[in-house]
Amino acid sequence: MTMQIPEGARLWKKCRSLTSWASNMAAGAVPELVELCAKLQLEAPPKTPCATPRCVDTLARRNMEGRAVRCPYAEKGCPMNRSPCFIEAHALDCDFRPVACAYGASGCRHMPLAFEEQEHLEVCDFRPVPCRYGCDAVVCANAEDEHAAECHYRPVCCLYQDRGCQEIVAAYRWRPHAEGCAFRPVKCRYAARGCAHQPSKNEEKTHAAACQFRPEPCPHAARGCGELLSTEDVERHAWTCAYRPVSCPFEGDGCEETVNYKDVEHHKDICSFRPVACPFLAAGCRMQPCFKDRATHAEGCKFRPVLCKYRARGCTIQLPFFNASRHASACGYRPLSCIHQSRGCPKKVSAQDLQKHSESCGFRPVECRHKGCLERPNADDAAHHAETCGFRLVSCPYVSNGCEERPQAAELAKHLETCGYQPSSCPNASRGCGERLLYSRLRSHLERCAFRPVACVHVKRGCPEEVNAQDRIRHASRCSYRLVPCVHEARGCSETLCYRNLSQHVAACRWRPIECPFGCGESPSLVDSKKHAAECKCRPAVCRYKAHGCPEEMPLMVLANHMATCAFRVAPCRYQSRGCRAQVCFKDRKEHLESCRFREAVIAELPSSTPRSESKDAAEAEAATAFCGITAGGDSARGLLSISCPIDLFLEGVSSLGTHVARNGTWNKV
């Protein structure tokens, strides 16, 4: 038989356990909790007049149930005020009870209230946080700054930042970067010559090219100087260098040679411009010509001895050149023209023989023997003049026809014009008439000659031609001034004009056919060209999407086919029904679909039961081809394609800017 423990005793034991727990908590006794337990006055079981268990249990129940107590955590803010039994169970789960921080093992001694525990965990100084620079370390929040200051992945400036390096590198790469940095100081390559400057590595060549300690050749090295000097000595050496270029001492005489200083004396002895004495110094010439001009000077020196220029005619006098012209002007052997030169005498005789030649010259004037002739022919031409003189008497050529007159030769032509015995051809012989008759019968023949010139019947229209009388009608039928209709009469031209103006009119006729400028093969009239151009199926047309970038220009007949396949045709987004109002070109459809913000909503609505790899392929294929259907049949958009699942892409590691991280099924730029 088991003994039943009175309910009051059980309650008393529970209160004792609660007090013991409050005093022996792992984080130390809580005085407030111990004090609250003491107020319950449960240090010993209640005493009753009757010592039986039933009496004790009844008294205890009466005392416990009839009394309302506050929650042990009332001072923390709990408003609960109930019976001790209820409070006993409530205290174990009270939102105002102090609880130990979950990061107590890391050093946190704070005990937040139960309802503040989550909020405390989010801001706890001992919560683990990842390194801000991406290393694998996980540190407490209060030690994050300390770790960041020592992290091997923290960004640090280059050691040679003050020399111009702007690179930011991870701390673990700081030393390797410094060893290979383009701004690291290096010794000048001429340090052995005394240069103490340490230029940056990337300025090493620039410094070396300008270093004052660099060995430089003499500026006159090309002229033979082999000296190697420092920069500060180059200029001083250049002024005294034996190889420096100097001008020839005879530069004023025309020498343009530039010689080395050490070779000046030698050059003076061989210079072509050095002065030399004239070969005719003894004759009185005091000039000193250049060596190269000595021969030229000698040839033109006025003191050179010359013979008289008429030596070939017999003069043997020799004299200085400057007196030669004065002698020549008075020399007896100088040639003079005959006084009858104007009459044709070409001879030149010596001045001393001129009078004798003039008296016997064949070109002297003599009198003509014919009466009335005033001409004075040359002596050699007198006989010939007498035979051809216009005052000689001659017989008429038609003396055989009966003419007995003897006119002067000069009057013969005038006589022949009126001589009635002159046989003459018809004046129209050049036009084809072969008749020959006496001059007295010529007038009557001209009145009836078939070859006489007559005006064209179209003379009033401007024809200037004169035709033979017998050819007048035939000429009129082919005259260029005859009236003819336009060759485009059948096309509608009603002009009638001269034949000579026909080609000009045809070239400007508004009814002339012209080739279609668009190459359709038709030849409309000029007056119909505008109408034809407006209706021609081959006229050039620009694409309707030119404003969107299409550069194409094509015949009108292929425009419709082009617009159906134009890469610049505009259509609404594939996700228009989801709210996208973008109007994009066909060629940009894939880029737009990948970046469309309404695509994420479509992907988010897809069921997650489909396998990830299959859904990814299906979604990407669907999105890639979605836009193709928008303009395949025109500009109207089709409905949204069904995409079975969201994109699930993962990338391992975050190493640099531009890394893509898959978040919520979309790509985000970090």
Foldseek 3Di string as FASTA:
>chain_A
DDDDQAPLVVVLVLLVVQLVCQQDPPLHHDVLLNVLSVVVVSPDQDDDPDPDRVVSNVVSVVVQQVAWAAASLVVLPDGDIGTPVVSSVCNVVPQQDWAAAPLVVQPDSHTGGNVCNVVCQVVPQQHWDDAPQFDPDTGGNVCNVVCLVVPQQRWDAAPQVVQPDGDTGGNVCRVVCNVVPQQNWDAAPLVVQPDPDTGGNVCNVVCQVVPQSRWDAAPLVVQPGGDTDGNVCNVVCQVVPQQNWDAAPLVVQPDGDTGGNVCNVVCQVVPQQNWAAAPCVVLPDGDTGGNVCNVVCNVVPQSHKDAAPLVVQPGGDIDGNVCNVVCQVVPQSNWDFAPLVVQPDPDTGGNVCRVVCNVVPQQDWDDAPAPPDPGTGGNVCNVVCNVVPQRDWAAQPLVVLPDGDTHGNVCNVVCQVPDQSDWDAAPLVVQPGGDIGTPVCNVVCQVPPQQRWDDAPLVVLPDPDTGGNVCRVVCNVVPQFDWDAAPLVVQPGGDIGGNVCNVVCQVVPQQHWDDQPLPPGDTGGNVCNVVCQVVPQRRKDDAPLVVQPDPDIGGNVCNVVCQLVPQQNWAAALCVVQPGGDIGGNVCNLVCLQVPPSLLVLQLPADPPPDQVVLQVQSSVQSNCSCVQCRNPHRHHDHRDRRHHAHDDADPGDDDFQDWGQDSRHTDGD
